[in-house]
């Protein structure tokens, strides 16, 4: 959207979400030349890769969700992320941590990457 920001400055655990619908990802050939949506996959990947691997980070896209759906669609995972990060909740951590993390098996989410 043309906003200047530098996600490489993020130094705290980061959970990045977006949807796969047309409001988030129009699927244009070059996101630098055409509006690609609010949060296209290419930008999400670039942002994820710009954050240091020393920072715990997760990226995931809600399958079939439009941008305006994300508040509701990501609520459960956002709550689990906050419980895990802010309260040390070990049950909530299972959603994100390990090679068998729950988010990896949820068909409602795709394009998941994490570095735990």
PDB file of N, CA and C in Angstrom:
ATOM      1  N   UNK A   1       0.820  -1.190   0.000  1.00  0.00           N
ATOM      2  CA  UNK A   1       0.000   0.000   0.000  1.00  0.00           C
ATOM      3  C   UNK A   1       0.862   1.252   0.000  1.00  0.00           C
ATOM      4  N   UNK A   2       2.175   1.073  -0.094  1.00  0.00           N
ATOM      5  CA  UNK A   2       3.055   2.218  -0.202  1.00  0.00           C
ATOM      6  C   UNK A   2       3.489   2.818   1.116  1.00  0.00           C
ATOM      7  N   UNK A   3       3.175   2.164   2.236  1.00  0.00           N
ATOM      8  CA  UNK A   3       3.582   2.693   3.537  1.00  0.00           C
ATOM      9  C   UNK A   3       5.022   2.304   3.811  1.00  0.00           C
ATOM     10  N   UNK A   4       5.768   3.231   4.395  1.00  0.00           N
ATOM     11  CA  UNK A   4       7.144   2.932   4.789  1.00  0.00           C
ATOM     12  C   UNK A   4       7.150   2.309   6.177  1.00  0.00           C
ATOM     13  N   UNK A   5       7.774   1.169   6.294  1.00  0.00           N
ATOM     14  CA  UNK A   5       7.950   0.513   7.588  1.00  0.00           C
ATOM     15  C   UNK A   5       9.142  -0.430   7.474  1.00  0.00           C
ATOM     16  N   UNK A   6       9.667  -0.815   8.611  1.00  0.00           N
ATOM     17  CA  UNK A   6      10.850  -1.674   8.636  1.00  0.00           C
ATOM     18  C   UNK A   6      10.636  -2.770   9.673  1.00  0.00           C
ATOM     19  N   UNK A   7      10.136  -3.912   9.224  1.00  0.00           N
ATOM     20  CA  UNK A   7       9.861  -4.997  10.171  1.00  0.00           C
ATOM     21  C   UNK A   7      11.127  -5.644  10.707  1.00  0.00           C
ATOM     22  N   UNK A   8      12.273  -5.341  10.132  1.00  0.00           N
ATOM     23  CA  UNK A   8      13.521  -5.885  10.673  1.00  0.00           C
ATOM     24  C   UNK A   8      13.804  -5.333  12.070  1.00  0.00           C
ATOM     25  N   UNK A   9      13.098  -4.281  12.456  1.00  0.00           N
ATOM     26  CA  UNK A   9      13.275  -3.703  13.789  1.00  0.00           C
ATOM     27  C   UNK A   9      12.455  -4.427  14.857  1.00  0.00           C
ATOM     28  N   UNK A  10      11.606  -5.382  14.447  1.00  0.00           N
ATOM     29  CA  UNK A  10      10.810  -6.143  15.412  1.00  0.00           C
ATOM     30  C   UNK A  10      11.748  -7.033  16.224  1.00  0.00           C
ATOM     31  N   UNK A  11      11.650  -6.932  17.548  1.00  0.00           N
ATOM     32  CA  UNK A  11      12.534  -7.711  18.425  1.00  0.00           C
ATOM     33  C   UNK A  11      11.757  -8.543  19.450  1.00  0.00           C
ATOM     34  N   UNK A  12      10.444  -8.574  19.324  1.00  0.00           N
ATOM     35  CA  UNK A  12       9.605  -9.347  20.240  1.00  0.00           C
ATOM     36  C   UNK A  12       8.873 -10.425  19.440  1.00  0.00           C
ATOM     37  N   UNK A  13       8.400 -11.480  20.094  1.00  0.00           N
ATOM     38  CA  UNK A  13       7.684 -12.535  19.366  1.00  0.00           C
ATOM     39  C   UNK A  13       6.562 -11.960  18.513  1.00  0.00           C
ATOM     40  N   UNK A  14       6.439 -12.513  17.303  1.00  0.00           N
ATOM     41  CA  UNK A  14       5.553 -11.928  16.298  1.00  0.00           C
ATOM     42  C   UNK A  14       4.715 -13.006  15.624  1.00  0.00           C
ATOM     43  N   UNK A  15       3.397 -12.832  15.650  1.00  0.00           N
ATOM     44  CA  UNK A  15       2.461 -13.715  14.962  1.00  0.00           C
ATOM     45  C   UNK A  15       1.779 -12.908  13.870  1.00  0.00           C
ATOM     46  N   UNK A  16       2.050 -13.249  12.637  1.00  0.00           N
ATOM     47  CA  UNK A  16       1.593 -12.495  11.474  1.00  0.00           C
ATOM     48  C   UNK A  16       0.489 -13.287  10.767  1.00  0.00           C
ATOM     49  N   UNK A  17      -0.683 -12.655  10.581  1.00  0.00           N
ATOM     50  CA  UNK A  17      -1.780 -13.328   9.897  1.00  0.00           C
ATOM     51  C   UNK A  17      -2.313 -12.469   8.756  1.00  0.00           C
ATOM     52  N   UNK A  18      -2.909 -13.130   7.806  1.00  0.00           N
ATOM     53  CA  UNK A  18      -3.635 -12.467   6.724  1.00  0.00           C
ATOM     54  C   UNK A  18      -4.596 -13.494   6.143  1.00  0.00           C
ATOM     55  N   UNK A  19      -5.402 -13.049   5.207  1.00  0.00           N
ATOM     56  CA  UNK A  19      -6.334 -13.953   4.542  1.00  0.00           C
ATOM     57  C   UNK A  19      -5.876 -14.256   3.132  1.00  0.00           C
ATOM     58  N   UNK A  20      -6.530 -15.216   2.500  1.00  0.00           N
ATOM     59  CA  UNK A  20      -6.206 -15.561   1.117  1.00  0.00           C
ATOM     60  C   UNK A  20      -7.196 -14.946   0.130  1.00  0.00           C
ATOM     61  N   UNK A  21      -8.215 -14.259   0.634  1.00  0.00           N
ATOM     62  CA  UNK A  21      -9.229 -13.655  -0.234  1.00  0.00           C
ATOM     63  C   UNK A  21      -8.679 -12.488  -1.041  1.00  0.00           C
ATOM     64  N   UNK A  22      -9.468 -12.003  -1.965  1.00  0.00           N
ATOM     65  CA  UNK A  22      -9.033 -10.954  -2.894  1.00  0.00           C
ATOM     66  C   UNK A  22      -8.732  -9.608  -2.228  1.00  0.00           C
ATOM     67  N   UNK A  23      -9.290  -9.344  -1.048  1.00  0.00           N
ATOM     68  CA  UNK A  23      -8.959  -8.076  -0.400  1.00  0.00           C
ATOM     69  C   UNK A  23      -7.550  -8.103   0.173  1.00  0.00           C
ATOM     70  N   UNK A  24      -7.071  -9.282   0.546  1.00  0.00           N
ATOM     71  CA  UNK A  24      -5.705  -9.398   1.057  1.00  0.00           C
ATOM     72  C   UNK A  24      -4.701  -9.750  -0.029  1.00  0.00           C
ATOM     73  N   UNK A  25      -5.108 -10.501  -1.044  1.00  0.00           N
ATOM     74  CA  UNK A  25      -4.153 -10.961  -2.049  1.00  0.00           C
ATOM     75  C   UNK A  25      -4.819 -11.061  -3.413  1.00  0.00           C
ATOM     76  N   UNK A  26      -4.562 -10.071  -4.264  1.00  0.00           N
ATOM     77  CA  UNK A  26      -5.148 -10.015  -5.600  1.00  0.00           C
ATOM     78  C   UNK A  26      -4.398 -10.928  -6.573  1.00  0.00           C
ATOM     79  N   UNK A  27      -3.188 -11.360  -6.205  1.00  0.00           N
ATOM     80  CA  UNK A  27      -2.370 -12.250  -7.036  1.00  0.00           C
ATOM     81  C   UNK A  27      -1.961 -11.586  -8.349  1.00  0.00           C
ATOM     82  N   UNK A  28      -1.338 -10.421  -8.222  1.00  0.00           N
ATOM     83  CA  UNK A  28      -0.811  -9.724  -9.402  1.00  0.00           C
ATOM     84  C   UNK A  28       0.630 -10.180  -9.653  1.00  0.00           C
ATOM     85  N   UNK A  29       1.117 -10.054 -10.885  1.00  0.00           N
ATOM     86  CA  UNK A  29       2.474 -10.513 -11.203  1.00  0.00           C
ATOM     87  C   UNK A  29       3.585  -9.759 -10.464  1.00  0.00           C
ATOM     88  N   UNK A  30       3.394  -8.471 -10.204  1.00  0.00           N
ATOM     89  CA  UNK A  30       4.448  -7.670  -9.565  1.00  0.00           C
ATOM     90  C   UNK A  30       3.806  -6.711  -8.565  1.00  0.00           C
ATOM     91  N   UNK A  31       3.990  -7.006  -7.283  1.00  0.00           N
ATOM     92  CA  UNK A  31       3.329  -6.186  -6.255  1.00  0.00           C
ATOM     93  C   UNK A  31       3.930  -4.796  -6.142  1.00  0.00           C
ATOM     94  N   UNK A  32       5.062  -4.561  -6.777  1.00  0.00           N
ATOM     95  CA  UNK A  32       5.645  -3.214  -6.750  1.00  0.00           C
ATOM     96  C   UNK A  32       5.038  -2.317  -7.827  1.00  0.00           C
ATOM     97  N   UNK A  33       4.323  -2.919  -8.781  1.00  0.00           N
ATOM     98  CA  UNK A  33       3.750  -2.134  -9.885  1.00  0.00           C
ATOM     99  C   UNK A  33       2.240  -2.003  -9.806  1.00  0.00           C
ATOM    100  N   UNK A  34       1.575  -2.990  -9.219  1.00  0.00           N
ATOM    101  CA  UNK A  34       0.119  -2.989  -9.149  1.00  0.00           C
ATOM    102  C   UNK A  34      -0.334  -3.241  -7.718  1.00  0.00           C
ATOM    103  N   UNK A  35      -1.508  -2.697  -7.381  1.00  0.00           N
ATOM    104  CA  UNK A  35      -2.072  -2.967  -6.056  1.00  0.00           C
ATOM    105  C   UNK A  35      -2.322  -4.466  -5.942  1.00  0.00           C
ATOM    106  N   UNK A  36      -1.742  -5.075  -4.925  1.00  0.00           N
ATOM    107  CA  UNK A  36      -1.794  -6.528  -4.776  1.00  0.00           C
ATOM    108  C   UNK A  36      -2.719  -6.971  -3.651  1.00  0.00           C
ATOM    109  N   UNK A  37      -3.400  -6.027  -3.033  1.00  0.00           N
ATOM    110  CA  UNK A  37      -4.234  -6.342  -1.887  1.00  0.00           C
ATOM    111  C   UNK A  37      -3.616  -5.769  -0.626  1.00  0.00           C
ATOM    112  N   UNK A  38      -4.322  -5.888   0.467  1.00  0.00           N
ATOM    113  CA  UNK A  38      -3.852  -5.331   1.731  1.00  0.00           C
ATOM    114  C   UNK A  38      -2.638  -6.091   2.253  1.00  0.00           C
ATOM    115  N   UNK A  39      -2.616  -7.391   2.051  1.00  0.00           N
ATOM    116  CA  UNK A  39      -1.574  -8.222   2.653  1.00  0.00           C
ATOM    117  C   UNK A  39      -1.240  -9.417   1.752  1.00  0.00           C
ATOM    118  N   UNK A  40      -0.678  -9.189   0.568  1.00  0.00           N
ATOM    119  CA  UNK A  40      -0.400 -10.293  -0.353  1.00  0.00           C
ATOM    120  C   UNK A  40       0.674 -11.244   0.181  1.00  0.00           C
ATOM    121  N   UNK A  41       0.587 -12.495  -0.231  1.00  0.00           N
ATOM    122  CA  UNK A  41       1.522 -13.511   0.251  1.00  0.00           C
ATOM    123  C   UNK A  41       2.972 -13.094   0.057  1.00  0.00           C
ATOM    124  N   UNK A  42       3.307 -12.530  -1.085  1.00  0.00           N
ATOM    125  CA  UNK A  42       4.686 -12.120  -1.340  1.00  0.00           C
ATOM    126  C   UNK A  42       5.184 -11.131  -0.282  1.00  0.00           C
ATOM    127  N   UNK A  43       4.335 -10.185   0.100  1.00  0.00           N
ATOM    128  CA  UNK A  43       4.706  -9.209   1.123  1.00  0.00           C
ATOM    129  C   UNK A  43       4.816  -9.870   2.494  1.00  0.00           C
ATOM    130  N   UNK A  44       3.913 -10.798   2.785  1.00  0.00           N
ATOM    131  CA  UNK A  44       3.951 -11.506   4.069  1.00  0.00           C
ATOM    132  C   UNK A  44       5.252 -12.292   4.194  1.00  0.00           C
ATOM    133  N   UNK A  45       5.632 -12.982   3.133  1.00  0.00           N
ATOM    134  CA  UNK A  45       6.886 -13.754   3.145  1.00  0.00           C
ATOM    135  C   UNK A  45       8.078 -12.825   3.312  1.00  0.00           C
ATOM    136  N   UNK A  46       8.093 -11.724   2.572  1.00  0.00           N
ATOM    137  CA  UNK A  46       9.192 -10.760   2.676  1.00  0.00           C
ATOM    138  C   UNK A  46       9.299 -10.211   4.091  1.00  0.00           C
ATOM    139  N   UNK A  47       8.164  -9.846   4.678  1.00  0.00           N
ATOM    140  CA  UNK A  47       8.172  -9.312   6.039  1.00  0.00           C
ATOM    141  C   UNK A  47       8.652 -10.366   7.031  1.00  0.00           C
ATOM    142  N   UNK A  48       8.157 -11.574   6.912  1.00  0.00           N
ATOM    143  CA  UNK A  48       8.576 -12.663   7.801  1.00  0.00           C
ATOM    144  C   UNK A  48      10.094 -12.846   7.715  1.00  0.00           C
ATOM    145  N   UNK A  49      10.611 -12.910   6.499  1.00  0.00           N
ATOM    146  CA  UNK A  49      12.049 -13.118   6.305  1.00  0.00           C
ATOM    147  C   UNK A  49      12.885 -11.933   6.768  1.00  0.00           C
ATOM    148  N   UNK A  50      12.289 -10.754   6.866  1.00  0.00           N
ATOM    149  CA  UNK A  50      13.018  -9.560   7.312  1.00  0.00           C
ATOM    150  C   UNK A  50      13.208  -9.519   8.820  1.00  0.00           C
ATOM    151  N   UNK A  51      12.400 -10.264   9.542  1.00  0.00           N
ATOM    152  CA  UNK A  51      12.524 -10.324  11.000  1.00  0.00           C
ATOM    153  C   UNK A  51      13.623 -11.315  11.345  1.00  0.00           C
ATOM    154  N   UNK A  52      14.486 -10.933  12.256  1.00  0.00           N
ATOM    155  CA  UNK A  52      15.601 -11.789  12.651  1.00  0.00           C
ATOM    156  C   UNK A  52      15.116 -13.165  13.089  1.00  0.00           C
ATOM    157  N   UNK A  53      15.894 -14.186  12.762  1.00  0.00           N
ATOM    158  CA  UNK A  53      15.564 -15.536  13.211  1.00  0.00           C
ATOM    159  C   UNK A  53      15.767 -15.705  14.713  1.00  0.00           C
ATOM    160  N   UNK A  54      16.353 -14.708  15.361  1.00  0.00           N
ATOM    161  CA  UNK A  54      16.468 -14.727  16.826  1.00  0.00           C
ATOM    162  C   UNK A  54      15.129 -14.424  17.490  1.00  0.00           C
ATOM    163  N   UNK A  55      14.190 -13.896  16.722  1.00  0.00           N
ATOM    164  CA  UNK A  55      12.852 -13.555  17.209  1.00  0.00           C
ATOM    165  C   UNK A  55      11.919 -14.722  16.902  1.00  0.00           C
ATOM    166  N   UNK A  56      11.172 -15.184  17.903  1.00  0.00           N
ATOM    167  CA  UNK A  56      10.176 -16.220  17.632  1.00  0.00           C
ATOM    168  C   UNK A  56       9.091 -15.610  16.752  1.00  0.00           C
ATOM    169  N   UNK A  57       8.822 -16.273  15.632  1.00  0.00           N
ATOM    170  CA  UNK A  57       7.871 -15.708  14.683  1.00  0.00           C
ATOM    171  C   UNK A  57       7.074 -16.818  14.006  1.00  0.00           C
ATOM    172  N   UNK A  58       5.838 -16.462  13.665  1.00  0.00           N
ATOM    173  CA  UNK A  58       4.932 -17.372  12.968  1.00  0.00           C
ATOM    174  C   UNK A  58       4.188 -16.547  11.932  1.00  0.00           C
ATOM    175  N   UNK A  59       4.016 -17.107  10.739  1.00  0.00           N
ATOM    176  CA  UNK A  59       3.141 -16.484   9.748  1.00  0.00           C
ATOM    177  C   UNK A  59       2.151 -17.532   9.282  1.00  0.00           C
ATOM    178  N   UNK A  60       0.914 -17.104   9.036  1.00  0.00           N
ATOM    179  CA  UNK A  60      -0.130 -18.016   8.567  1.00  0.00           C
ATOM    180  C   UNK A  60      -1.230 -17.214   7.899  1.00  0.00           C
ATOM    181  N   UNK A  61      -1.842 -17.817   6.865  1.00  0.00           N
ATOM    182  CA  UNK A  61      -2.951 -17.154   6.177  1.00  0.00           C
ATOM    183  C   UNK A  61      -4.223 -17.972   6.352  1.00  0.00           C
ATOM    184  N   UNK A  62      -5.299 -17.298   6.683  1.00  0.00           N
ATOM    185  CA  UNK A  62      -6.594 -17.953   6.859  1.00  0.00           C
ATOM    186  C   UNK A  62      -7.176 -18.249   5.477  1.00  0.00           C
ATOM    187  N   UNK A  63      -7.394 -19.512   5.203  1.00  0.00           N
ATOM    188  CA  UNK A  63      -7.885 -19.960   3.911  1.00  0.00           C
ATOM    189  C   UNK A  63      -9.271 -19.391   3.614  1.00  0.00           C
ATOM    190  N   UNK A  64      -9.395 -18.723   2.489  1.00  0.00           N
ATOM    191  CA  UNK A  64     -10.675 -18.183   2.042  1.00  0.00           C
ATOM    192  C   UNK A  64     -11.150 -16.938   2.764  1.00  0.00           C
ATOM    193  N   UNK A  65     -10.355 -16.393   3.655  1.00  0.00           N
ATOM    194  CA  UNK A  65     -10.772 -15.223   4.437  1.00  0.00           C
ATOM    195  C   UNK A  65     -10.450 -13.926   3.712  1.00  0.00           C
ATOM    196  N   UNK A  66     -11.394 -13.011   3.756  1.00  0.00           N
ATOM    197  CA  UNK A  66     -11.157 -11.654   3.274  1.00  0.00           C
ATOM    198  C   UNK A  66     -10.547 -10.848   4.423  1.00  0.00           C
ATOM    199  N   UNK A  67      -9.984  -9.701   4.099  1.00  0.00           N
ATOM    200  CA  UNK A  67      -9.315  -8.888   5.121  1.00  0.00           C
ATOM    201  C   UNK A  67     -10.250  -8.558   6.284  1.00  0.00           C
ATOM    202  N   UNK A  68     -11.495  -8.205   5.973  1.00  0.00           N
ATOM    203  CA  UNK A  68     -12.434  -7.834   7.037  1.00  0.00           C
ATOM    204  C   UNK A  68     -12.863  -9.025   7.894  1.00  0.00           C
ATOM    205  N   UNK A  69     -12.557 -10.246   7.468  1.00  0.00           N
ATOM    206  CA  UNK A  69     -12.881 -11.454   8.249  1.00  0.00           C
ATOM    207  C   UNK A  69     -11.818 -11.771   9.291  1.00  0.00           C
ATOM    208  N   UNK A  70     -10.655 -11.166   9.182  1.00  0.00           N
ATOM    209  CA  UNK A  70      -9.506 -11.599   9.968  1.00  0.00           C
ATOM    210  C   UNK A  70      -9.651 -11.389  11.471  1.00  0.00           C
ATOM    211  N   UNK A  71     -10.365 -10.375  11.895  1.00  0.00           N
ATOM    212  CA  UNK A  71     -10.535 -10.172  13.331  1.00  0.00           C
ATOM    213  C   UNK A  71     -11.197 -11.395  13.961  1.00  0.00           C
ATOM    214  N   UNK A  72     -12.239 -11.876  13.330  1.00  0.00           N
ATOM    215  CA  UNK A  72     -12.957 -13.041  13.849  1.00  0.00           C
ATOM    216  C   UNK A  72     -12.190 -14.328  13.554  1.00  0.00           C
ATOM    217  N   UNK A  73     -11.685 -14.477  12.328  1.00  0.00           N
ATOM    218  CA  UNK A  73     -11.031 -15.722  11.927  1.00  0.00           C
ATOM    219  C   UNK A  73      -9.747 -16.006  12.706  1.00  0.00           C
ATOM    220  N   UNK A  74      -9.048 -14.963  13.119  1.00  0.00           N
ATOM    221  CA  UNK A  74      -7.776 -15.186  13.818  1.00  0.00           C
ATOM    222  C   UNK A  74      -7.900 -15.094  15.334  1.00  0.00           C
ATOM    223  N   UNK A  75      -9.082 -14.819  15.846  1.00  0.00           N
ATOM    224  CA  UNK A  75      -9.267 -14.581  17.280  1.00  0.00           C
ATOM    225  C   UNK A  75      -8.744 -15.723  18.160  1.00  0.00           C
ATOM    226  N   UNK A  76      -9.084 -16.945  17.841  1.00  0.00           N
ATOM    227  CA  UNK A  76      -8.639 -18.077  18.657  1.00  0.00           C
ATOM    228  C   UNK A  76      -7.138 -18.210  18.708  1.00  0.00           C
ATOM    229  N   UNK A  77      -6.496 -18.068  17.549  1.00  0.00           N
ATOM    230  CA  UNK A  77      -5.042 -18.163  17.503  1.00  0.00           C
ATOM    231  C   UNK A  77      -4.370 -16.951  18.143  1.00  0.00           C
ATOM    232  N   UNK A  78      -4.939 -15.777  17.960  1.00  0.00           N
ATOM    233  CA  UNK A  78      -4.381 -14.590  18.616  1.00  0.00           C
ATOM    234  C   UNK A  78      -4.463 -14.735  20.143  1.00  0.00           C
ATOM    235  N   UNK A  79      -5.581 -15.255  20.612  1.00  0.00           N
ATOM    236  CA  UNK A  79      -5.734 -15.476  22.059  1.00  0.00           C
ATOM    237  C   UNK A  79      -4.704 -16.488  22.551  1.00  0.00           C
ATOM    238  N   UNK A  80      -4.534 -17.580  21.808  1.00  0.00           N
ATOM    239  CA  UNK A  80      -3.540 -18.588  22.188  1.00  0.00           C
ATOM    240  C   UNK A  80      -2.137 -17.997  22.171  1.00  0.00           C
ATOM    241  N   UNK A  81      -1.834 -17.164  21.158  1.00  0.00           N
ATOM    242  CA  UNK A  81      -0.515 -16.535  21.068  1.00  0.00           C
ATOM    243  C   UNK A  81      -0.249 -15.656  22.298  1.00  0.00           C
ATOM    244  N   UNK A  82      -1.247 -14.862  22.678  1.00  0.00           N
ATOM    245  CA  UNK A  82      -1.084 -13.975  23.838  1.00  0.00           C
ATOM    246  C   UNK A  82      -0.958 -14.786  25.136  1.00  0.00           C
ATOM    247  N   UNK A  83      -1.761 -15.826  25.275  1.00  0.00           N
ATOM    248  CA  UNK A  83      -1.647 -16.676  26.470  1.00  0.00           C
ATOM    249  C   UNK A  83      -0.259 -17.306  26.552  1.00  0.00           C
ATOM    250  N   UNK A  84       0.233 -17.770  25.424  1.00  0.00           N
ATOM    251  CA  UNK A  84       1.563 -18.376  25.363  1.00  0.00           C
ATOM    252  C   UNK A  84       2.651 -17.347  25.645  1.00  0.00           C
ATOM    253  N   UNK A  85       2.624 -16.228  24.943  1.00  0.00           N
ATOM    254  CA  UNK A  85       3.698 -15.250  25.058  1.00  0.00           C
ATOM    255  C   UNK A  85       3.649 -14.428  26.346  1.00  0.00           C
ATOM    256  N   UNK A  86       2.469 -14.046  26.785  1.00  0.00           N
ATOM    257  CA  UNK A  86       2.354 -13.155  27.938  1.00  0.00           C
ATOM    258  C   UNK A  86       2.177 -13.884  29.267  1.00  0.00           C
ATOM    259  N   UNK A  87       1.611 -15.093  29.204  1.00  0.00           N
ATOM    260  CA  UNK A  87       1.326 -15.818  30.443  1.00  0.00           C
ATOM    261  C   UNK A  87       2.121 -17.106  30.574  1.00  0.00           C
ATOM    262  N   UNK A  88       2.875 -17.475  29.547  1.00  0.00           N
ATOM    263  CA  UNK A  88       3.644 -18.704  29.592  1.00  0.00           C
ATOM    264  C   UNK A  88       2.774 -19.959  29.589  1.00  0.00           C
ATOM    265  N   UNK A  89       1.576 -19.859  29.049  1.00  0.00           N
ATOM    266  CA  UNK A  89       0.626 -20.971  29.037  1.00  0.00           C
ATOM    267  C   UNK A  89       1.150 -22.093  28.133  1.00  0.00           C
ATOM    268  N   UNK A  90       1.503 -23.230  28.737  1.00  0.00           N
ATOM    269  CA  UNK A  90       2.082 -24.341  27.983  1.00  0.00           C
ATOM    270  C   UNK A  90       1.075 -25.006  27.052  1.00  0.00           C
ATOM    271  N   UNK A  91      -0.191 -25.015  27.432  1.00  0.00           N
ATOM    272  CA  UNK A  91      -1.226 -25.594  26.575  1.00  0.00           C
ATOM    273  C   UNK A  91      -1.391 -24.731  25.317  1.00  0.00           C
ATOM    274  N   UNK A  92      -1.415 -23.429  25.485  1.00  0.00           N
ATOM    275  CA  UNK A  92      -1.529 -22.523  24.340  1.00  0.00           C
ATOM    276  C   UNK A  92      -0.295 -22.616  23.441  1.00  0.00           C
ATOM    277  N   UNK A  93       0.866 -22.857  24.018  1.00  0.00           N
ATOM    278  CA  UNK A  93       2.102 -22.972  23.239  1.00  0.00           C
ATOM    279  C   UNK A  93       2.025 -24.115  22.240  1.00  0.00           C
ATOM    280  N   UNK A  94       1.280 -25.166  22.560  1.00  0.00           N
ATOM    281  CA  UNK A  94       1.171 -26.330  21.670  1.00  0.00           C
ATOM    282  C   UNK A  94       0.572 -25.977  20.312  1.00  0.00           C
ATOM    283  N   UNK A  95      -0.140 -24.868  20.246  1.00  0.00           N
ATOM    284  CA  UNK A  95      -0.708 -24.416  18.968  1.00  0.00           C
ATOM    285  C   UNK A  95       0.409 -24.034  18.001  1.00  0.00           C
ATOM    286  N   UNK A  96       1.529 -23.538  18.514  1.00  0.00           N
ATOM    287  CA  UNK A  96       2.584 -22.965  17.681  1.00  0.00           C
ATOM    288  C   UNK A  96       3.922 -23.702  17.743  1.00  0.00           C
ATOM    289  N   UNK A  97       4.218 -24.359  18.847  1.00  0.00           N
ATOM    290  CA  UNK A  97       5.553 -24.884  19.093  1.00  0.00           C
ATOM    291  C   UNK A  97       5.645 -26.364  18.735  1.00  0.00           C
ATOM    292  N   UNK A  98       6.700 -26.743  18.105  1.00  0.00           N
ATOM    293  CA  UNK A  98       7.092 -28.108  17.748  1.00  0.00           C
ATOM    294  C   UNK A  98       6.733 -28.412  16.299  1.00  0.00           C
ATOM    295  N   UNK A  99       7.287 -29.502  15.825  1.00  0.00           N
ATOM    296  CA  UNK A  99       7.009 -29.944  14.460  1.00  0.00           C
ATOM    297  C   UNK A  99       5.587 -30.473  14.321  1.00  0.00           C
ATOM    298  N   UNK A 100       4.918 -30.684  15.455  1.00  0.00           N
ATOM    299  CA  UNK A 100       3.546 -31.196  15.448  1.00  0.00           C
ATOM    300  C   UNK A 100       2.562 -30.145  15.962  1.00  0.00           C
ATOM    301  N   UNK A 101       2.919 -28.872  15.845  1.00  0.00           N
ATOM    302  CA  UNK A 101       2.068 -27.784  16.343  1.00  0.00           C
ATOM    303  C   UNK A 101       0.676 -27.862  15.719  1.00  0.00           C
ATOM    304  N   UNK A 102      -0.326 -27.541  16.492  1.00  0.00           N
ATOM    305  CA  UNK A 102      -1.723 -27.642  16.043  1.00  0.00           C
ATOM    306  C   UNK A 102      -1.986 -26.843  14.778  1.00  0.00           C
ATOM    307  N   UNK A 103      -1.429 -25.658  14.665  1.00  0.00           N
ATOM    308  CA  UNK A 103      -1.689 -24.801  13.504  1.00  0.00           C
ATOM    309  C   UNK A 103      -1.267 -25.468  12.193  1.00  0.00           C
ATOM    310  N   UNK A 104      -0.271 -26.330  12.254  1.00  0.00           N
ATOM    311  CA  UNK A 104       0.220 -27.013  11.060  1.00  0.00           C
ATOM    312  C   UNK A 104      -0.780 -28.028  10.511  1.00  0.00           C
ATOM    313  N   UNK A 105      -1.722 -28.455  11.349  1.00  0.00           N
ATOM    314  CA  UNK A 105      -2.693 -29.476  10.962  1.00  0.00           C
ATOM    315  C   UNK A 105      -4.096 -28.916  10.748  1.00  0.00           C
ATOM    316  N   UNK A 106      -4.242 -27.605  10.813  1.00  0.00           N
ATOM    317  CA  UNK A 106      -5.551 -26.976  10.679  1.00  0.00           C
ATOM    318  C   UNK A 106      -5.776 -26.592   9.214  1.00  0.00           C
ATOM    319  N   UNK A 107      -6.713 -27.249   8.556  1.00  0.00           N
ATOM    320  CA  UNK A 107      -6.957 -27.012   7.130  1.00  0.00           C
ATOM    321  C   UNK A 107      -7.542 -25.631   6.843  1.00  0.00           C
ATOM    322  N   UNK A 108      -7.919 -24.900   7.882  1.00  0.00           N
ATOM    323  CA  UNK A 108      -8.425 -23.532   7.699  1.00  0.00           C
ATOM    324  C   UNK A 108      -7.295 -22.517   7.573  1.00  0.00           C
ATOM    325  N   UNK A 109      -6.062 -22.980   7.700  1.00  0.00           N
ATOM    326  CA  UNK A 109      -4.895 -22.100   7.617  1.00  0.00           C
ATOM    327  C   UNK A 109      -3.896 -22.683   6.640  1.00  0.00           C
ATOM    328  N   UNK A 110      -3.188 -21.815   5.943  1.00  0.00           N
ATOM    329  CA  UNK A 110      -2.207 -22.260   4.951  1.00  0.00           C
ATOM    330  C   UNK A 110      -1.011 -21.302   4.930  1.00  0.00           C
ATOM    331  N   UNK A 111      -0.010 -21.655   4.145  1.00  0.00           N
ATOM    332  CA  UNK A 111       1.197 -20.833   3.981  1.00  0.00           C
ATOM    333  C   UNK A 111       1.834 -20.537   5.338  1.00  0.00           C
ATOM    334  N   UNK A 112       1.909 -21.559   6.164  1.00  0.00           N
ATOM    335  CA  UNK A 112       2.399 -21.418   7.536  1.00  0.00           C
ATOM    336  C   UNK A 112       3.917 -21.585   7.554  1.00  0.00           C
ATOM    337  N   UNK A 113       4.553 -20.691   8.257  1.00  0.00           N
ATOM    338  CA  UNK A 113       5.986 -20.823   8.518  1.00  0.00           C
ATOM    339  C   UNK A 113       6.238 -20.375   9.937  1.00  0.00           C
ATOM    340  N   UNK A 114       7.120 -21.054  10.621  1.00  0.00           N
ATOM    341  CA  UNK A 114       7.452 -20.707  11.999  1.00  0.00           C
ATOM    342  C   UNK A 114       8.883 -21.104  12.256  1.00  0.00           C
ATOM    343  N   UNK A 115       9.482 -20.508  13.244  1.00  0.00           N
ATOM    344  CA  UNK A 115      10.894 -20.767  13.502  1.00  0.00           C
ATOM    345  C   UNK A 115      11.181 -21.231  14.919  1.00  0.00           C
ATOM    346  N   UNK A 116      10.224 -21.857  15.576  1.00  0.00           N
ATOM    347  CA  UNK A 116      10.476 -22.309  16.956  1.00  0.00           C
ATOM    348  C   UNK A 116      11.478 -23.433  17.013  1.00  0.00           C
TER     349      UNK A 116
END
